[in-house]
Amino acid sequence: MHRFFAALLFSPSLWAATPAQIEYAVQQTLSQEGALFVNYTVYDSGRVGLLFGLNEPDWRIEKTVKALQSHPDITGLTWVKTDTDFCPIR
């Protein structure tokens, strides 16, 4: 019986963030880092996909990616800088 409760306690799927919580974390991080020219998708698996526009500075992309990768709720991150200008997010 003790093993069962220990398995439940340490099971990562029980404590994983919901997609809504991950989306909130992404929005907060993008806002804090000042990333405006970006499009993102949160997948059910907890992974996040980011598309940065050409008009987003490289230094800001690097800073934003590092902040997102260090966030405990985000299980994985895929990102790319496109060759197209994006309109700023609001």
PDB file of N, CA and C in Angstrom:
ATOM      1  N   MET A   1       0.810  -1.191   0.000  1.00  0.00           N
ATOM      2  CA  MET A   1       0.000   0.000   0.000  1.00  0.00           C
ATOM      3  C   MET A   1       0.860   1.264   0.000  1.00  0.00           C
ATOM      4  N   HIS A   2       1.957   1.221   0.741  1.00  0.00           N
ATOM      5  CA  HIS A   2       2.837   2.381   0.799  1.00  0.00           C
ATOM      6  C   HIS A   2       3.474   2.658  -0.557  1.00  0.00           C
ATOM      7  N   ARG A   3       3.796   1.592  -1.269  1.00  0.00           N
ATOM      8  CA  ARG A   3       4.395   1.757  -2.601  1.00  0.00           C
ATOM      9  C   ARG A   3       3.422   2.437  -3.561  1.00  0.00           C
ATOM     10  N   PHE A   4       2.152   2.106  -3.427  1.00  0.00           N
ATOM     11  CA  PHE A   4       1.132   2.706  -4.286  1.00  0.00           C
ATOM     12  C   PHE A   4       1.074   4.215  -4.072  1.00  0.00           C
ATOM     13  N   PHE A   5       1.048   4.651  -2.822  1.00  0.00           N
ATOM     14  CA  PHE A   5       0.996   6.086  -2.535  1.00  0.00           C
ATOM     15  C   PHE A   5       2.287   6.791  -2.938  1.00  0.00           C
ATOM     16  N   ALA A   6       3.399   6.123  -2.770  1.00  0.00           N
ATOM     17  CA  ALA A   6       4.670   6.701  -3.201  1.00  0.00           C
ATOM     18  C   ALA A   6       4.699   6.852  -4.719  1.00  0.00           C
ATOM     19  N   ALA A   7       4.175   5.866  -5.431  1.00  0.00           N
ATOM     20  CA  ALA A   7       4.123   5.950  -6.895  1.00  0.00           C
ATOM     21  C   ALA A   7       3.219   7.093  -7.335  1.00  0.00           C
ATOM     22  N   LEU A   8       2.111   7.273  -6.663  1.00  0.00           N
ATOM     23  CA  LEU A   8       1.218   8.397  -6.988  1.00  0.00           C
ATOM     24  C   LEU A   8       1.869   9.733  -6.695  1.00  0.00           C
ATOM     25  N   LEU A   9       2.578   9.813  -5.599  1.00  0.00           N
ATOM     26  CA  LEU A   9       3.211  11.057  -5.194  1.00  0.00           C
ATOM     27  C   LEU A   9       4.274  11.500  -6.192  1.00  0.00           C
ATOM     28  N   PHE A  10       5.036  10.552  -6.699  1.00  0.00           N
ATOM     29  CA  PHE A  10       6.141  10.891  -7.585  1.00  0.00           C
ATOM     30  C   PHE A  10       5.807  10.737  -9.064  1.00  0.00           C
ATOM     31  N   SER A  11       4.567  10.501  -9.377  1.00  0.00           N
ATOM     32  CA  SER A  11       4.154  10.375 -10.767  1.00  0.00           C
ATOM     33  C   SER A  11       4.100  11.762 -11.414  1.00  0.00           C
ATOM     34  N   PRO A  12       4.899  12.017 -12.456  1.00  0.00           N
ATOM     35  CA  PRO A  12       4.939  13.352 -13.052  1.00  0.00           C
ATOM     36  C   PRO A  12       3.637  13.753 -13.737  1.00  0.00           C
ATOM     37  N   SER A  13       2.869  12.797 -14.227  1.00  0.00           N
ATOM     38  CA  SER A  13       1.647  13.154 -14.936  1.00  0.00           C
ATOM     39  C   SER A  13       0.594  13.749 -14.008  1.00  0.00           C
ATOM     40  N   LEU A  14       0.647  13.403 -12.728  1.00  0.00           N
ATOM     41  CA  LEU A  14      -0.327  13.953 -11.788  1.00  0.00           C
ATOM     42  C   LEU A  14      -0.049  15.415 -11.460  1.00  0.00           C
ATOM     43  N   TRP A  15       1.199  15.810 -11.528  1.00  0.00           N
ATOM     44  CA  TRP A  15       1.569  17.162 -11.152  1.00  0.00           C
ATOM     45  C   TRP A  15       1.887  18.037 -12.356  1.00  0.00           C
ATOM     46  N   ALA A  16       1.706  17.521 -13.547  1.00  0.00           N
ATOM     47  CA  ALA A  16       2.015  18.291 -14.751  1.00  0.00           C
ATOM     48  C   ALA A  16       1.022  19.428 -14.916  1.00  0.00           C
ATOM     49  N   ALA A  17       1.490  20.517 -15.475  1.00  0.00           N
ATOM     50  CA  ALA A  17       0.648  21.690 -15.701  1.00  0.00           C
ATOM     51  C   ALA A  17      -0.318  21.416 -16.847  1.00  0.00           C
ATOM     52  N   THR A  18      -1.458  22.048 -16.785  1.00  0.00           N
ATOM     53  CA  THR A  18      -2.446  21.935 -17.859  1.00  0.00           C
ATOM     54  C   THR A  18      -2.021  22.833 -19.012  1.00  0.00           C
ATOM     55  N   PRO A  19      -2.546  22.601 -20.214  1.00  0.00           N
ATOM     56  CA  PRO A  19      -2.224  23.499 -21.336  1.00  0.00           C
ATOM     57  C   PRO A  19      -2.566  24.966 -21.045  1.00  0.00           C
ATOM     58  N   ALA A  20      -3.635  25.207 -20.299  1.00  0.00           N
ATOM     59  CA  ALA A  20      -3.996  26.587 -19.957  1.00  0.00           C
ATOM     60  C   ALA A  20      -2.944  27.221 -19.043  1.00  0.00           C
ATOM     61  N   GLN A  21      -2.422  26.455 -18.095  1.00  0.00           N
ATOM     62  CA  GLN A  21      -1.372  26.967 -17.215  1.00  0.00           C
ATOM     63  C   GLN A  21      -0.085  27.229 -17.990  1.00  0.00           C
ATOM     64  N   ILE A  22       0.210  26.354 -18.932  1.00  0.00           N
ATOM     65  CA  ILE A  22       1.410  26.540 -19.752  1.00  0.00           C
ATOM     66  C   ILE A  22       1.254  27.773 -20.637  1.00  0.00           C
ATOM     67  N   GLU A  23       0.080  27.942 -21.223  1.00  0.00           N
ATOM     68  CA  GLU A  23      -0.158  29.122 -22.054  1.00  0.00           C
ATOM     69  C   GLU A  23       0.002  30.407 -21.246  1.00  0.00           C
ATOM     70  N   TYR A  24      -0.503  30.403 -20.026  1.00  0.00           N
ATOM     71  CA  TYR A  24      -0.345  31.568 -19.151  1.00  0.00           C
ATOM     72  C   TYR A  24       1.136  31.831 -18.876  1.00  0.00           C
ATOM     73  N   ALA A  25       1.899  30.772 -18.619  1.00  0.00           N
ATOM     74  CA  ALA A  25       3.331  30.915 -18.360  1.00  0.00           C
ATOM     75  C   ALA A  25       4.049  31.487 -19.582  1.00  0.00           C
ATOM     76  N   VAL A  26       3.665  31.020 -20.771  1.00  0.00           N
ATOM     77  CA  VAL A  26       4.276  31.528 -22.003  1.00  0.00           C
ATOM     78  C   VAL A  26       3.941  33.005 -22.184  1.00  0.00           C
ATOM     79  N   GLN A  27       2.681  33.364 -21.991  1.00  0.00           N
ATOM     80  CA  GLN A  27       2.273  34.769 -22.134  1.00  0.00           C
ATOM     81  C   GLN A  27       3.025  35.669 -21.165  1.00  0.00           C
ATOM     82  N   GLN A  28       3.146  35.221 -19.926  1.00  0.00           N
ATOM     83  CA  GLN A  28       3.858  36.012 -18.921  1.00  0.00           C
ATOM     84  C   GLN A  28       5.330  36.180 -19.290  1.00  0.00           C
ATOM     85  N   THR A  29       5.952  35.117 -19.745  1.00  0.00           N
ATOM     86  CA  THR A  29       7.371  35.178 -20.107  1.00  0.00           C
ATOM     87  C   THR A  29       7.585  36.079 -21.316  1.00  0.00           C
ATOM     88  N   LEU A  30       6.737  35.936 -22.332  1.00  0.00           N
ATOM     89  CA  LEU A  30       6.870  36.794 -23.510  1.00  0.00           C
ATOM     90  C   LEU A  30       6.711  38.260 -23.130  1.00  0.00           C
ATOM     91  N   SER A  31       5.780  38.542 -22.248  1.00  0.00           N
ATOM     92  CA  SER A  31       5.550  39.911 -21.796  1.00  0.00           C
ATOM     93  C   SER A  31       6.745  40.438 -20.999  1.00  0.00           C
ATOM     94  N   GLN A  32       7.265  39.629 -20.086  1.00  0.00           N
ATOM     95  CA  GLN A  32       8.399  40.047 -19.263  1.00  0.00           C
ATOM     96  C   GLN A  32       9.645  40.296 -20.101  1.00  0.00           C
ATOM     97  N   GLU A  33       9.844  39.491 -21.122  1.00  0.00           N
ATOM     98  CA  GLU A  33      11.039  39.619 -21.963  1.00  0.00           C
ATOM     99  C   GLU A  33      10.852  40.650 -23.077  1.00  0.00           C
ATOM    100  N   GLY A  34       9.635  41.112 -23.278  1.00  0.00           N
ATOM    101  CA  GLY A  34       9.376  42.127 -24.298  1.00  0.00           C
ATOM    102  C   GLY A  34       9.310  41.583 -25.707  1.00  0.00           C
ATOM    103  N   ALA A  35       9.090  40.290 -25.860  1.00  0.00           N
ATOM    104  CA  ALA A  35       9.007  39.690 -27.199  1.00  0.00           C
ATOM    105  C   ALA A  35       7.635  40.008 -27.797  1.00  0.00           C
ATOM    106  N   LEU A  36       7.629  40.747 -28.880  1.00  0.00           N
ATOM    107  CA  LEU A  36       6.375  41.191 -29.484  1.00  0.00           C
ATOM    108  C   LEU A  36       6.054  40.493 -30.795  1.00  0.00           C
ATOM    109  N   PHE A  37       7.059  40.140 -31.546  1.00  0.00           N
ATOM    110  CA  PHE A  37       6.851  39.612 -32.895  1.00  0.00           C
ATOM    111  C   PHE A  37       6.997  38.097 -32.884  1.00  0.00           C
ATOM    112  N   VAL A  38       6.019  37.430 -32.281  1.00  0.00           N
ATOM    113  CA  VAL A  38       6.094  35.992 -32.047  1.00  0.00           C
ATOM    114  C   VAL A  38       4.701  35.377 -32.126  1.00  0.00           C
ATOM    115  N   ASN A  39       4.656  34.152 -32.600  1.00  0.00           N
ATOM    116  CA  ASN A  39       3.437  33.356 -32.614  1.00  0.00           C
ATOM    117  C   ASN A  39       3.783  32.055 -31.890  1.00  0.00           C
ATOM    118  N   TYR A  40       2.892  31.593 -31.014  1.00  0.00           N
ATOM    119  CA  TYR A  40       3.195  30.383 -30.262  1.00  0.00           C
ATOM    120  C   TYR A  40       2.008  29.439 -30.256  1.00  0.00           C
ATOM    121  N   THR A  41       2.311  28.166 -30.021  1.00  0.00           N
ATOM    122  CA  THR A  41       1.310  27.118 -29.898  1.00  0.00           C
ATOM    123  C   THR A  41       1.681  26.255 -28.695  1.00  0.00           C
ATOM    124  N   VAL A  42       0.690  25.960 -27.871  1.00  0.00           N
ATOM    125  CA  VAL A  42       0.881  25.057 -26.737  1.00  0.00           C
ATOM    126  C   VAL A  42       0.204  23.744 -27.090  1.00  0.00           C
ATOM    127  N   TYR A  43       0.971  22.672 -27.069  1.00  0.00           N
ATOM    128  CA  TYR A  43       0.448  21.351 -27.405  1.00  0.00           C
ATOM    129  C   TYR A  43      -0.028  20.637 -26.144  1.00  0.00           C
ATOM    130  N   ASP A  44      -0.906  19.658 -26.310  1.00  0.00           N
ATOM    131  CA  ASP A  44      -1.447  18.906 -25.170  1.00  0.00           C
ATOM    132  C   ASP A  44      -0.368  18.189 -24.371  1.00  0.00           C
ATOM    133  N   SER A  45       0.740  17.890 -25.007  1.00  0.00           N
ATOM    134  CA  SER A  45       1.840  17.198 -24.331  1.00  0.00           C
ATOM    135  C   SER A  45       2.621  18.109 -23.390  1.00  0.00           C
ATOM    136  N   GLY A  46       2.332  19.414 -23.436  1.00  0.00           N
ATOM    137  CA  GLY A  46       3.066  20.365 -22.614  1.00  0.00           C
ATOM    138  C   GLY A  46       4.196  21.052 -23.350  1.00  0.00           C
ATOM    139  N   ARG A  47       4.428  20.638 -24.577  1.00  0.00           N
ATOM    140  CA  ARG A  47       5.465  21.281 -25.396  1.00  0.00           C
ATOM    141  C   ARG A  47       4.934  22.593 -25.959  1.00  0.00           C
ATOM    142  N   VAL A  48       5.850  23.501 -26.267  1.00  0.00           N
ATOM    143  CA  VAL A  48       5.507  24.803 -26.822  1.00  0.00           C
ATOM    144  C   VAL A  48       6.276  24.985 -28.123  1.00  0.00           C
ATOM    145  N   GLY A  49       5.585  25.465 -29.145  1.00  0.00           N
ATOM    146  CA  GLY A  49       6.212  25.809 -30.411  1.00  0.00           C
ATOM    147  C   GLY A  49       6.162  27.312 -30.616  1.00  0.00           C
ATOM    148  N   LEU A  50       7.297  27.907 -30.950  1.00  0.00           N
ATOM    149  CA  LEU A  50       7.386  29.356 -31.140  1.00  0.00           C
ATOM    150  C   LEU A  50       7.889  29.689 -32.536  1.00  0.00           C
ATOM    151  N   LEU A  51       7.258  30.664 -33.158  1.00  0.00           N
ATOM    152  CA  LEU A  51       7.731  31.240 -34.407  1.00  0.00           C
ATOM    153  C   LEU A  51       8.037  32.707 -34.145  1.00  0.00           C
ATOM    154  N   PHE A  52       9.297  33.082 -34.288  1.00  0.00           N
ATOM    155  CA  PHE A  52       9.689  34.473 -34.113  1.00  0.00           C
ATOM    156  C   PHE A  52       9.755  35.139 -35.477  1.00  0.00           C
ATOM    157  N   GLY A  53       9.243  36.348 -35.550  1.00  0.00           N
ATOM    158  CA  GLY A  53       9.288  37.094 -36.792  1.00  0.00           C
ATOM    159  C   GLY A  53      10.685  37.638 -37.058  1.00  0.00           C
ATOM    160  N   LEU A  54      10.926  37.992 -38.298  1.00  0.00           N
ATOM    161  CA  LEU A  54      12.223  38.543 -38.704  1.00  0.00           C
ATOM    162  C   LEU A  54      12.536  39.837 -37.960  1.00  0.00           C
ATOM    163  N   ASN A  55      11.495  40.569 -37.587  1.00  0.00           N
ATOM    164  CA  ASN A  55      11.695  41.851 -36.920  1.00  0.00           C
ATOM    165  C   ASN A  55      11.928  41.723 -35.405  1.00  0.00           C
ATOM    166  N   GLU A  56      12.022  40.513 -34.892  1.00  0.00           N
ATOM    167  CA  GLU A  56      12.368  40.322 -33.481  1.00  0.00           C
ATOM    168  C   GLU A  56      13.888  40.228 -33.375  1.00  0.00           C
ATOM    169  N   PRO A  57      14.517  41.068 -32.538  1.00  0.00           N
ATOM    170  CA  PRO A  57      15.982  41.050 -32.430  1.00  0.00           C
ATOM    171  C   PRO A  57      16.509  39.711 -31.903  1.00  0.00           C
ATOM    172  N   ASP A  58      17.652  39.295 -32.406  1.00  0.00           N
ATOM    173  CA  ASP A  58      18.246  38.013 -32.010  1.00  0.00           C
ATOM    174  C   ASP A  58      18.520  37.934 -30.515  1.00  0.00           C
ATOM    175  N   TRP A  59      18.996  39.018 -29.923  1.00  0.00           N
ATOM    176  CA  TRP A  59      19.302  39.007 -28.496  1.00  0.00           C
ATOM    177  C   TRP A  59      18.035  38.774 -27.666  1.00  0.00           C
ATOM    178  N   ARG A  60      16.904  39.317 -28.113  1.00  0.00           N
ATOM    179  CA  ARG A  60      15.657  39.127 -27.375  1.00  0.00           C
ATOM    180  C   ARG A  60      15.139  37.699 -27.538  1.00  0.00           C
ATOM    181  N   ILE A  61      15.321  37.135 -28.716  1.00  0.00           N
ATOM    182  CA  ILE A  61      14.922  35.737 -28.937  1.00  0.00           C
ATOM    183  C   ILE A  61      15.710  34.826 -28.009  1.00  0.00           C
ATOM    184  N   GLU A  62      17.007  35.040 -27.950  1.00  0.00           N
ATOM    185  CA  GLU A  62      17.873  34.225 -27.101  1.00  0.00           C
ATOM    186  C   GLU A  62      17.467  34.324 -25.631  1.00  0.00           C
ATOM    187  N   LYS A  63      17.189  35.535 -25.172  1.00  0.00           N
ATOM    188  CA  LYS A  63      16.792  35.769 -23.791  1.00  0.00           C
ATOM    189  C   LYS A  63      15.437  35.116 -23.487  1.00  0.00           C
ATOM    190  N   THR A  64      14.508  35.221 -24.427  1.00  0.00           N
ATOM    191  CA  THR A  64      13.175  34.646 -24.247  1.00  0.00           C
ATOM    192  C   THR A  64      13.226  33.125 -24.238  1.00  0.00           C
ATOM    193  N   VAL A  65      13.983  32.543 -25.143  1.00  0.00           N
ATOM    194  CA  VAL A  65      14.102  31.081 -25.211  1.00  0.00           C
ATOM    195  C   VAL A  65      14.715  30.539 -23.925  1.00  0.00           C
ATOM    196  N   LYS A  66      15.739  31.185 -23.416  1.00  0.00           N
ATOM    197  CA  LYS A  66      16.355  30.733 -22.158  1.00  0.00           C
ATOM    198  C   LYS A  66      15.360  30.801 -21.005  1.00  0.00           C
ATOM    199  N   ALA A  67      14.573  31.869 -20.958  1.00  0.00           N
ATOM    200  CA  ALA A  67      13.582  32.008 -19.888  1.00  0.00           C
ATOM    201  C   ALA A  67      12.506  30.932 -19.991  1.00  0.00           C
ATOM    202  N   LEU A  68      12.057  30.629 -21.195  1.00  0.00           N
ATOM    203  CA  LEU A  68      11.037  29.594 -21.378  1.00  0.00           C
ATOM    204  C   LEU A  68      11.579  28.203 -21.079  1.00  0.00           C
ATOM    205  N   GLN A  69      12.813  27.943 -21.472  1.00  0.00           N
ATOM    206  CA  GLN A  69      13.408  26.634 -21.220  1.00  0.00           C
ATOM    207  C   GLN A  69      13.611  26.375 -19.730  1.00  0.00           C
ATOM    208  N   SER A  70      13.782  27.423 -18.961  1.00  0.00           N
ATOM    209  CA  SER A  70      13.993  27.245 -17.523  1.00  0.00           C
ATOM    210  C   SER A  70      12.678  27.208 -16.742  1.00  0.00           C
ATOM    211  N   HIS A  71      11.557  27.403 -17.410  1.00  0.00           N
ATOM    212  CA  HIS A  71      10.273  27.393 -16.709  1.00  0.00           C
ATOM    213  C   HIS A  71       9.882  25.950 -16.380  1.00  0.00           C
ATOM    214  N   PRO A  72       9.504  25.670 -15.142  1.00  0.00           N
ATOM    215  CA  PRO A  72       9.234  24.278 -14.742  1.00  0.00           C
ATOM    216  C   PRO A  72       7.985  23.668 -15.383  1.00  0.00           C
ATOM    217  N   ASP A  73       7.025  24.472 -15.818  1.00  0.00           N
ATOM    218  CA  ASP A  73       5.793  23.930 -16.397  1.00  0.00           C
ATOM    219  C   ASP A  73       5.942  23.525 -17.860  1.00  0.00           C
ATOM    220  N   ILE A  74       6.955  24.026 -18.529  1.00  0.00           N
ATOM    221  CA  ILE A  74       7.132  23.763 -19.960  1.00  0.00           C
ATOM    222  C   ILE A  74       8.036  22.549 -20.129  1.00  0.00           C
ATOM    223  N   THR A  75       7.473  21.490 -20.723  1.00  0.00           N
ATOM    224  CA  THR A  75       8.225  20.239 -20.832  1.00  0.00           C
ATOM    225  C   THR A  75       9.162  20.206 -22.033  1.00  0.00           C
ATOM    226  N   GLY A  76       8.917  21.036 -23.015  1.00  0.00           N
ATOM    227  CA  GLY A  76       9.780  21.065 -24.190  1.00  0.00           C
ATOM    228  C   GLY A  76       9.499  22.311 -25.000  1.00  0.00           C
ATOM    229  N   LEU A  77      10.487  22.725 -25.766  1.00  0.00           N
ATOM    230  CA  LEU A  77      10.367  23.962 -26.530  1.00  0.00           C
ATOM    231  C   LEU A  77      10.998  23.769 -27.909  1.00  0.00           C
ATOM    232  N   THR A  78      10.240  24.140 -28.921  1.00  0.00           N
ATOM    233  CA  THR A  78      10.740  24.158 -30.292  1.00  0.00           C
ATOM    234  C   THR A  78      10.542  25.569 -30.810  1.00  0.00           C
ATOM    235  N   TRP A  79      11.593  26.154 -31.390  1.00  0.00           N
ATOM    236  CA  TRP A  79      11.453  27.520 -31.868  1.00  0.00           C
ATOM    237  C   TRP A  79      12.247  27.713 -33.148  1.00  0.00           C
ATOM    238  N   VAL A  80      11.841  28.723 -33.900  1.00  0.00           N
ATOM    239  CA  VAL A  80      12.533  29.072 -35.140  1.00  0.00           C
ATOM    240  C   VAL A  80      12.287  30.549 -35.426  1.00  0.00           C
ATOM    241  N   LYS A  81      13.262  31.179 -36.042  1.00  0.00           N
ATOM    242  CA  LYS A  81      13.104  32.552 -36.514  1.00  0.00           C
ATOM    243  C   LYS A  81      12.785  32.482 -38.003  1.00  0.00           C
ATOM    244  N   THR A  82      11.658  33.057 -38.373  1.00  0.00           N
ATOM    245  CA  THR A  82      11.221  33.001 -39.761  1.00  0.00           C
ATOM    246  C   THR A  82      11.847  34.132 -40.565  1.00  0.00           C
ATOM    247  N   ASP A  83      11.642  34.102 -41.866  1.00  0.00           N
ATOM    248  CA  ASP A  83      12.139  35.181 -42.726  1.00  0.00           C
ATOM    249  C   ASP A  83      11.009  36.147 -43.101  1.00  0.00           C
ATOM    250  N   THR A  84       9.990  36.217 -42.252  1.00  0.00           N
ATOM    251  CA  THR A  84       8.830  37.069 -42.472  1.00  0.00           C
ATOM    252  C   THR A  84       8.637  37.990 -41.271  1.00  0.00           C
ATOM    253  N   ASP A  85       8.303  39.247 -41.532  1.00  0.00           N
ATOM    254  CA  ASP A  85       7.964  40.161 -40.441  1.00  0.00           C
ATOM    255  C   ASP A  85       6.609  39.792 -39.870  1.00  0.00           C
ATOM    256  N   PHE A  86       6.475  39.873 -38.557  1.00  0.00           N
ATOM    257  CA  PHE A  86       5.211  39.609 -37.861  1.00  0.00           C
ATOM    258  C   PHE A  86       4.655  40.909 -37.315  1.00  0.00           C
ATOM    259  N   CYS A  87       3.337  40.977 -37.180  1.00  0.00           N
ATOM    260  CA  CYS A  87       2.708  42.073 -36.468  1.00  0.00           C
ATOM    261  C   CYS A  87       2.889  41.816 -34.976  1.00  0.00           C
ATOM    262  N   PRO A  88       2.985  42.872 -34.160  1.00  0.00           N
ATOM    263  CA  PRO A  88       3.195  42.652 -32.726  1.00  0.00           C
ATOM    264  C   PRO A  88       1.979  42.020 -32.071  1.00  0.00           C
ATOM    265  N   ILE A  89       2.226  41.180 -31.050  1.00  0.00           N
ATOM    266  CA  ILE A  89       1.121  40.595 -30.286  1.00  0.00           C
ATOM    267  C   ILE A  89       0.603  41.644 -29.326  1.00  0.00           C
ATOM    268  N   ARG A  90      -0.604  41.481 -28.902  1.00  0.00           N
ATOM    269  CA  ARG A  90      -1.211  42.452 -27.972  1.00  0.00           C
ATOM    270  C   ARG A  90      -1.656  41.763 -26.728  1.00  0.00           C
TER     271      ARG A  90
END
